[in-house]
Amino acid sequence: MKKVAVTVAVLALGLAACTKNADNNAANETAVENNADVDVNAGADAALNAAGNELNAADNSVQNASNAVENAATNQ
């Protein structure tokens, strides 16, 4: 009977350890997923900001060219 009690105790400890590891694994997986979301969002924000900056630069170039044409027409 003593051997059975010891075996049950060992199995219970092993099961408790497995449950704790499963909880830790789930928490780690959630953290990885959250960090991946943050990285994707940061990358998307950076791409949108870069595109916006390039559009502003193109708009400025077009405006400068328009001003140059207008000045050239005025000075003739």
PDB file of N, CA and C in Angstrom:
ATOM      1  N   MET A   1       0.819  -1.186   0.000  1.00  0.00           N
ATOM      2  CA  MET A   1       0.000   0.000   0.000  1.00  0.00           C
ATOM      3  C   MET A   1       0.868   1.256   0.000  1.00  0.00           C
ATOM      4  N   LYS A   2       2.001   1.182   0.698  1.00  0.00           N
ATOM      5  CA  LYS A   2       2.900   2.325   0.757  1.00  0.00           C
ATOM      6  C   LYS A   2       3.446   2.639  -0.639  1.00  0.00           C
ATOM      7  N   LYS A   3       3.764   1.584  -1.428  1.00  0.00           N
ATOM      8  CA  LYS A   3       4.286   1.798  -2.774  1.00  0.00           C
ATOM      9  C   LYS A   3       3.252   2.484  -3.654  1.00  0.00           C
ATOM     10  N   VAL A   4       2.004   2.121  -3.477  1.00  0.00           N
ATOM     11  CA  VAL A   4       0.940   2.732  -4.277  1.00  0.00           C
ATOM     12  C   VAL A   4       0.812   4.210  -3.925  1.00  0.00           C
ATOM     13  N   ALA A   5       0.889   4.520  -2.650  1.00  0.00           N
ATOM     14  CA  ALA A   5       0.775   5.916  -2.213  1.00  0.00           C
ATOM     15  C   ALA A   5       1.933   6.736  -2.757  1.00  0.00           C
ATOM     16  N   VAL A   6       3.133   6.184  -2.726  1.00  0.00           N
ATOM     17  CA  VAL A   6       4.310   6.885  -3.255  1.00  0.00           C
ATOM     18  C   VAL A   6       4.165   7.080  -4.753  1.00  0.00           C
ATOM     19  N   THR A   7       3.719   6.045  -5.445  1.00  0.00           N
ATOM     20  CA  THR A   7       3.534   6.142  -6.898  1.00  0.00           C
ATOM     21  C   THR A   7       2.504   7.216  -7.239  1.00  0.00           C
ATOM     22  N   VAL A   8       1.411   7.256  -6.506  1.00  0.00           N
ATOM     23  CA  VAL A   8       0.370   8.268  -6.743  1.00  0.00           C
ATOM     24  C   VAL A   8       0.936   9.662  -6.481  1.00  0.00           C
ATOM     25  N   ALA A   9       1.719   9.812  -5.439  1.00  0.00           N
ATOM     26  CA  ALA A   9       2.303  11.112  -5.116  1.00  0.00           C
ATOM     27  C   ALA A   9       3.260  11.562  -6.218  1.00  0.00           C
ATOM     28  N   VAL A  10       4.095  10.647  -6.700  1.00  0.00           N
ATOM     29  CA  VAL A  10       5.036  10.983  -7.767  1.00  0.00           C
ATOM     30  C   VAL A  10       4.291  11.369  -9.037  1.00  0.00           C
ATOM     31  N   LEU A  11       3.253  10.610  -9.381  1.00  0.00           N
ATOM     32  CA  LEU A  11       2.465  10.930 -10.566  1.00  0.00           C
ATOM     33  C   LEU A  11       1.766  12.285 -10.430  1.00  0.00           C
ATOM     34  N   ALA A  12       1.276  12.580  -9.235  1.00  0.00           N
ATOM     35  CA  ALA A  12       0.617  13.865  -9.009  1.00  0.00           C
ATOM     36  C   ALA A  12       1.604  15.013  -9.173  1.00  0.00           C
ATOM     37  N   LEU A  13       2.822  14.863  -8.668  1.00  0.00           N
ATOM     38  CA  LEU A  13       3.840  15.902  -8.827  1.00  0.00           C
ATOM     39  C   LEU A  13       4.210  16.077 -10.296  1.00  0.00           C
ATOM     40  N   GLY A  14       4.337  14.953 -10.999  1.00  0.00           N
ATOM     41  CA  GLY A  14       4.655  15.026 -12.424  1.00  0.00           C
ATOM     42  C   GLY A  14       3.568  15.729 -13.206  1.00  0.00           C
ATOM     43  N   LEU A  15       2.316  15.439 -12.885  1.00  0.00           N
ATOM     44  CA  LEU A  15       1.189  16.086 -13.560  1.00  0.00           C
ATOM     45  C   LEU A  15       1.162  17.577 -13.245  1.00  0.00           C
ATOM     46  N   ALA A  16       1.441  17.928 -12.020  1.00  0.00           N
ATOM     47  CA  ALA A  16       1.475  19.345 -11.642  1.00  0.00           C
ATOM     48  C   ALA A  16       2.574  20.073 -12.405  1.00  0.00           C
ATOM     49  N   ALA A  17       3.717  19.430 -12.561  1.00  0.00           N
ATOM     50  CA  ALA A  17       4.817  20.043 -13.303  1.00  0.00           C
ATOM     51  C   ALA A  17       4.445  20.213 -14.766  1.00  0.00           C
ATOM     52  N   CYS A  18       3.772  19.254 -15.343  1.00  0.00           N
ATOM     53  CA  CYS A  18       3.346  19.355 -16.746  1.00  0.00           C
ATOM     54  C   CYS A  18       2.360  20.492 -16.935  1.00  0.00           C
ATOM     55  N   THR A  19       1.441  20.633 -15.993  1.00  0.00           N
ATOM     56  CA  THR A  19       0.451  21.703 -16.088  1.00  0.00           C
ATOM     57  C   THR A  19       1.138  23.061 -16.015  1.00  0.00           C
ATOM     58  N   LYS A  20       2.101  23.198 -15.130  1.00  0.00           N
ATOM     59  CA  LYS A  20       2.825  24.463 -14.993  1.00  0.00           C
ATOM     60  C   LYS A  20       3.588  24.756 -16.274  1.00  0.00           C
ATOM     61  N   ASN A  21       4.228  23.737 -16.851  1.00  0.00           N
ATOM     62  CA  ASN A  21       4.955  23.940 -18.102  1.00  0.00           C
ATOM     63  C   ASN A  21       4.013  24.332 -19.229  1.00  0.00           C
ATOM     64  N   ALA A  22       2.850  23.725 -19.265  1.00  0.00           N
ATOM     65  CA  ALA A  22       1.869  24.064 -20.297  1.00  0.00           C
ATOM     66  C   ALA A  22       1.437  25.520 -20.159  1.00  0.00           C
ATOM     67  N   ASP A  23       1.214  25.957 -18.910  1.00  0.00           N
ATOM     68  CA  ASP A  23       0.844  27.358 -18.672  1.00  0.00           C
ATOM     69  C   ASP A  23       1.962  28.290 -19.116  1.00  0.00           C
ATOM     70  N   ASN A  24       3.206  27.938 -18.776  1.00  0.00           N
ATOM     71  CA  ASN A  24       4.349  28.759 -19.185  1.00  0.00           C
ATOM     72  C   ASN A  24       4.489  28.792 -20.691  1.00  0.00           C
ATOM     73  N   ASN A  25       4.294  27.643 -21.337  1.00  0.00           N
ATOM     74  CA  ASN A  25       4.384  27.587 -22.793  1.00  0.00           C
ATOM     75  C   ASN A  25       3.313  28.459 -23.440  1.00  0.00           C
ATOM     76  N   ALA A  26       2.117  28.418 -22.900  1.00  0.00           N
ATOM     77  CA  ALA A  26       1.025  29.236 -23.440  1.00  0.00           C
ATOM     78  C   ALA A  26       1.329  30.718 -23.263  1.00  0.00           C
ATOM     79  N   ALA A  27       1.860  31.075 -22.103  1.00  0.00           N
ATOM     80  CA  ALA A  27       2.210  32.483 -21.857  1.00  0.00           C
ATOM     81  C   ALA A  27       3.329  32.929 -22.793  1.00  0.00           C
ATOM     82  N   ASN A  28       4.309  32.068 -22.999  1.00  0.00           N
ATOM     83  CA  ASN A  28       5.410  32.416 -23.904  1.00  0.00           C
ATOM     84  C   ASN A  28       4.914  32.566 -25.332  1.00  0.00           C
ATOM     85  N   GLU A  29       4.024  31.685 -25.744  1.00  0.00           N
ATOM     86  CA  GLU A  29       3.482  31.767 -27.107  1.00  0.00           C
ATOM     87  C   GLU A  29       2.696  33.058 -27.294  1.00  0.00           C
ATOM     88  N   THR A  30       1.932  33.428 -26.277  1.00  0.00           N
ATOM     89  CA  THR A  30       1.167  34.677 -26.346  1.00  0.00           C
ATOM     90  C   THR A  30       2.107  35.873 -26.434  1.00  0.00           C
ATOM     91  N   ALA A  31       3.175  35.843 -25.665  1.00  0.00           N
ATOM     92  CA  ALA A  31       4.139  36.947 -25.705  1.00  0.00           C
ATOM     93  C   ALA A  31       4.788  37.054 -27.082  1.00  0.00           C
ATOM     94  N   VAL A  32       5.132  35.923 -27.679  1.00  0.00           N
ATOM     95  CA  VAL A  32       5.731  35.937 -29.016  1.00  0.00           C
ATOM     96  C   VAL A  32       4.751  36.519 -30.031  1.00  0.00           C
ATOM     97  N   GLU A  33       3.499  36.102 -29.943  1.00  0.00           N
ATOM     98  CA  GLU A  33       2.486  36.616 -30.876  1.00  0.00           C
ATOM     99  C   GLU A  33       2.286  38.116 -30.694  1.00  0.00           C
ATOM    100  N   ASN A  34       2.257  38.577 -29.452  1.00  0.00           N
ATOM    101  CA  ASN A  34       2.088  40.011 -29.195  1.00  0.00           C
ATOM    102  C   ASN A  34       3.270  40.801 -29.736  1.00  0.00           C
ATOM    103  N   ASN A  35       4.473  40.283 -29.530  1.00  0.00           N
ATOM    104  CA  ASN A  35       5.661  40.970 -30.044  1.00  0.00           C
ATOM    105  C   ASN A  35       5.666  40.993 -31.566  1.00  0.00           C
ATOM    106  N   ALA A  36       5.201  39.933 -32.179  1.00  0.00           N
ATOM    107  CA  ALA A  36       5.110  39.898 -33.644  1.00  0.00           C
ATOM    108  C   ALA A  36       4.115  40.946 -34.140  1.00  0.00           C
ATOM    109  N   ASP A  37       2.996  41.086 -33.447  1.00  0.00           N
ATOM    110  CA  ASP A  37       2.021  42.115 -33.820  1.00  0.00           C
ATOM    111  C   ASP A  37       2.631  43.509 -33.728  1.00  0.00           C
ATOM    112  N   VAL A  38       3.382  43.750 -32.663  1.00  0.00           N
ATOM    113  CA  VAL A  38       4.029  45.054 -32.485  1.00  0.00           C
ATOM    114  C   VAL A  38       5.009  45.311 -33.622  1.00  0.00           C
ATOM    115  N   ASP A  39       5.800  44.297 -33.977  1.00  0.00           N
ATOM    116  CA  ASP A  39       6.771  44.449 -35.058  1.00  0.00           C
ATOM    117  C   ASP A  39       6.089  44.721 -36.388  1.00  0.00           C
ATOM    118  N   VAL A  40       5.008  43.999 -36.669  1.00  0.00           N
ATOM    119  CA  VAL A  40       4.284  44.200 -37.934  1.00  0.00           C
ATOM    120  C   VAL A  40       3.687  45.599 -37.978  1.00  0.00           C
ATOM    121  N   ASN A  41       3.097  46.020 -36.882  1.00  0.00           N
ATOM    122  CA  ASN A  41       2.499  47.364 -36.847  1.00  0.00           C
ATOM    123  C   ASN A  41       3.559  48.445 -37.011  1.00  0.00           C
ATOM    124  N   ALA A  42       4.702  48.269 -36.382  1.00  0.00           N
ATOM    125  CA  ALA A  42       5.780  49.251 -36.516  1.00  0.00           C
ATOM    126  C   ALA A  42       6.275  49.305 -37.958  1.00  0.00           C
ATOM    127  N   GLY A  43       6.399  48.154 -38.583  1.00  0.00           N
ATOM    128  CA  GLY A  43       6.830  48.115 -39.983  1.00  0.00           C
ATOM    129  C   GLY A  43       5.824  48.783 -40.897  1.00  0.00           C
ATOM    130  N   ALA A  44       4.561  48.542 -40.662  1.00  0.00           N
ATOM    131  CA  ALA A  44       3.510  49.163 -41.477  1.00  0.00           C
ATOM    132  C   ALA A  44       3.507  50.672 -41.282  1.00  0.00           C
ATOM    133  N   ASP A  45       3.651  51.119 -40.048  1.00  0.00           N
ATOM    134  CA  ASP A  45       3.697  52.563 -39.776  1.00  0.00           C
ATOM    135  C   ASP A  45       4.893  53.204 -40.462  1.00  0.00           C
ATOM    136  N   ALA A  46       6.042  52.552 -40.402  1.00  0.00           N
ATOM    137  CA  ALA A  46       7.243  53.089 -41.043  1.00  0.00           C
ATOM    138  C   ALA A  46       7.056  53.177 -42.552  1.00  0.00           C
ATOM    139  N   ALA A  47       6.446  52.165 -43.147  1.00  0.00           N
ATOM    140  CA  ALA A  47       6.213  52.180 -44.593  1.00  0.00           C
ATOM    141  C   ALA A  47       5.244  53.297 -44.978  1.00  0.00           C
ATOM    142  N   LEU A  48       4.186  53.470 -44.196  1.00  0.00           N
ATOM    143  CA  LEU A  48       3.232  54.542 -44.487  1.00  0.00           C
ATOM    144  C   LEU A  48       3.872  55.914 -44.340  1.00  0.00           C
ATOM    145  N   ASN A  49       4.688  56.086 -43.314  1.00  0.00           N
ATOM    146  CA  ASN A  49       5.371  57.370 -43.124  1.00  0.00           C
ATOM    147  C   ASN A  49       6.337  57.648 -44.264  1.00  0.00           C
ATOM    148  N   ALA A  50       7.067  56.632 -44.690  1.00  0.00           N
ATOM    149  CA  ALA A  50       8.017  56.811 -45.795  1.00  0.00           C
ATOM    150  C   ALA A  50       7.273  57.159 -47.078  1.00  0.00           C
ATOM    151  N   ALA A  51       6.164  56.478 -47.339  1.00  0.00           N
ATOM    152  CA  ALA A  51       5.371  56.771 -48.541  1.00  0.00           C
ATOM    153  C   ALA A  51       4.815  58.196 -48.487  1.00  0.00           C
ATOM    154  N   GLY A  52       4.344  58.586 -47.339  1.00  0.00           N
ATOM    155  CA  GLY A  52       3.833  59.954 -47.183  1.00  0.00           C
ATOM    156  C   GLY A  52       4.913  60.990 -47.416  1.00  0.00           C
ATOM    157  N   ASN A  53       6.108  60.723 -46.901  1.00  0.00           N
ATOM    158  CA  ASN A  53       7.225  61.652 -47.104  1.00  0.00           C
ATOM    159  C   ASN A  53       7.595  61.757 -48.579  1.00  0.00           C
ATOM    160  N   GLU A  54       7.592  60.625 -49.260  1.00  0.00           N
ATOM    161  CA  GLU A  54       7.925  60.632 -50.697  1.00  0.00           C
ATOM    162  C   GLU A  54       6.858  61.379 -51.496  1.00  0.00           C
ATOM    163  N   LEU A  55       5.601  61.214 -51.137  1.00  0.00           N
ATOM    164  CA  LEU A  55       4.534  61.949 -51.827  1.00  0.00           C
ATOM    165  C   LEU A  55       4.662  63.448 -51.590  1.00  0.00           C
ATOM    166  N   ASN A  56       5.007  63.831 -50.387  1.00  0.00           N
ATOM    167  CA  ASN A  56       5.214  65.253 -50.098  1.00  0.00           C
ATOM    168  C   ASN A  56       6.384  65.811 -50.894  1.00  0.00           C
ATOM    169  N   ALA A  57       7.455  65.034 -50.996  1.00  0.00           N
ATOM    170  CA  ALA A  57       8.620  65.479 -51.768  1.00  0.00           C
ATOM    171  C   ALA A  57       8.258  65.619 -53.243  1.00  0.00           C
ATOM    172  N   ALA A  58       7.486  64.672 -53.780  1.00  0.00           N
ATOM    173  CA  ALA A  58       7.067  64.757 -55.182  1.00  0.00           C
ATOM    174  C   ALA A  58       6.167  65.967 -55.403  1.00  0.00           C
ATOM    175  N   ASP A  59       5.269  66.216 -54.471  1.00  0.00           N
ATOM    176  CA  ASP A  59       4.385  67.378 -54.569  1.00  0.00           C
ATOM    177  C   ASP A  59       5.202  68.664 -54.566  1.00  0.00           C
ATOM    178  N   ASN A  60       6.203  68.738 -53.709  1.00  0.00           N
ATOM    179  CA  ASN A  60       7.064  69.918 -53.661  1.00  0.00           C
ATOM    180  C   ASN A  60       7.822  70.094 -54.967  1.00  0.00           C
ATOM    181  N   SER A  61       8.288  68.999 -55.546  1.00  0.00           N
ATOM    182  CA  SER A  61       9.013  69.076 -56.815  1.00  0.00           C
ATOM    183  C   SER A  61       8.109  69.582 -57.935  1.00  0.00           C
ATOM    184  N   VAL A  62       6.884  69.081 -57.968  1.00  0.00           N
ATOM    185  CA  VAL A  62       5.934  69.544 -58.977  1.00  0.00           C
ATOM    186  C   VAL A  62       5.630  71.031 -58.782  1.00  0.00           C
ATOM    187  N   GLN A  63       5.459  71.427 -57.554  1.00  0.00           N
ATOM    188  CA  GLN A  63       5.179  72.846 -57.266  1.00  0.00           C
ATOM    189  C   GLN A  63       6.361  73.723 -57.671  1.00  0.00           C
ATOM    190  N   ASN A  64       7.576  73.263 -57.388  1.00  0.00           N
ATOM    191  CA  ASN A  64       8.774  74.024 -57.775  1.00  0.00           C
ATOM    192  C   ASN A  64       8.885  74.134 -59.291  1.00  0.00           C
ATOM    193  N   ALA A  65       8.588  73.049 -59.994  1.00  0.00           N
ATOM    194  CA  ALA A  65       8.642  73.083 -61.450  1.00  0.00           C
ATOM    195  C   ALA A  65       7.585  74.040 -61.999  1.00  0.00           C
ATOM    196  N   SER A  66       6.413  74.021 -61.414  1.00  0.00           N
ATOM    197  CA  SER A  66       5.350  74.929 -61.832  1.00  0.00           C
ATOM    198  C   SER A  66       5.762  76.376 -61.616  1.00  0.00           C
ATOM    199  N   ASN A  67       6.366  76.658 -60.497  1.00  0.00           N
ATOM    200  CA  ASN A  67       6.844  78.018 -60.219  1.00  0.00           C
ATOM    201  C   ASN A  67       7.931  78.440 -61.209  1.00  0.00           C
ATOM    202  N   ALA A  68       8.816  77.510 -61.561  1.00  0.00           N
ATOM    203  CA  ALA A  68       9.880  77.824 -62.505  1.00  0.00           C
ATOM    204  C   ALA A  68       9.309  78.152 -63.874  1.00  0.00           C
ATOM    205  N   VAL A  69       8.305  77.417 -64.306  1.00  0.00           N
ATOM    206  CA  VAL A  69       7.659  77.675 -65.600  1.00  0.00           C
ATOM    207  C   VAL A  69       6.969  79.037 -65.558  1.00  0.00           C
ATOM    208  N   GLU A  70       6.275  79.311 -64.465  1.00  0.00           N
ATOM    209  CA  GLU A  70       5.580  80.585 -64.341  1.00  0.00           C
ATOM    210  C   GLU A  70       6.575  81.748 -64.347  1.00  0.00           C
ATOM    211  N   ASN A  71       7.690  81.588 -63.646  1.00  0.00           N
ATOM    212  CA  ASN A  71       8.714  82.630 -63.624  1.00  0.00           C
ATOM    213  C   ASN A  71       9.334  82.824 -64.993  1.00  0.00           C
ATOM    214  N   ALA A  72       9.588  81.747 -65.701  1.00  0.00           N
ATOM    215  CA  ALA A  72      10.179  81.850 -67.031  1.00  0.00           C
ATOM    216  C   ALA A  72       9.218  82.553 -67.987  1.00  0.00           C
ATOM    217  N   ALA A  73       7.922  82.294 -67.880  1.00  0.00           N
ATOM    218  CA  ALA A  73       6.932  82.945 -68.735  1.00  0.00           C
ATOM    219  C   ALA A  73       6.818  84.428 -68.396  1.00  0.00           C
ATOM    220  N   THR A  74       6.921  84.769 -67.141  1.00  0.00           N
ATOM    221  CA  THR A  74       6.814  86.157 -66.700  1.00  0.00           C
ATOM    222  C   THR A  74       8.030  86.960 -67.152  1.00  0.00           C
ATOM    223  N   ASN A  75       9.198  86.368 -67.159  1.00  0.00           N
ATOM    224  CA  ASN A  75      10.432  87.076 -67.479  1.00  0.00           C
ATOM    225  C   ASN A  75      10.683  87.209 -68.965  1.00  0.00           C
ATOM    226  N   GLN A  76       9.827  86.688 -69.814  1.00  0.00           N
ATOM    227  CA  GLN A  76      10.056  86.809 -71.254  1.00  0.00           C
ATOM    228  C   GLN A  76       9.511  88.081 -71.786  1.00  0.00           C
TER     229      GLN A  76
END
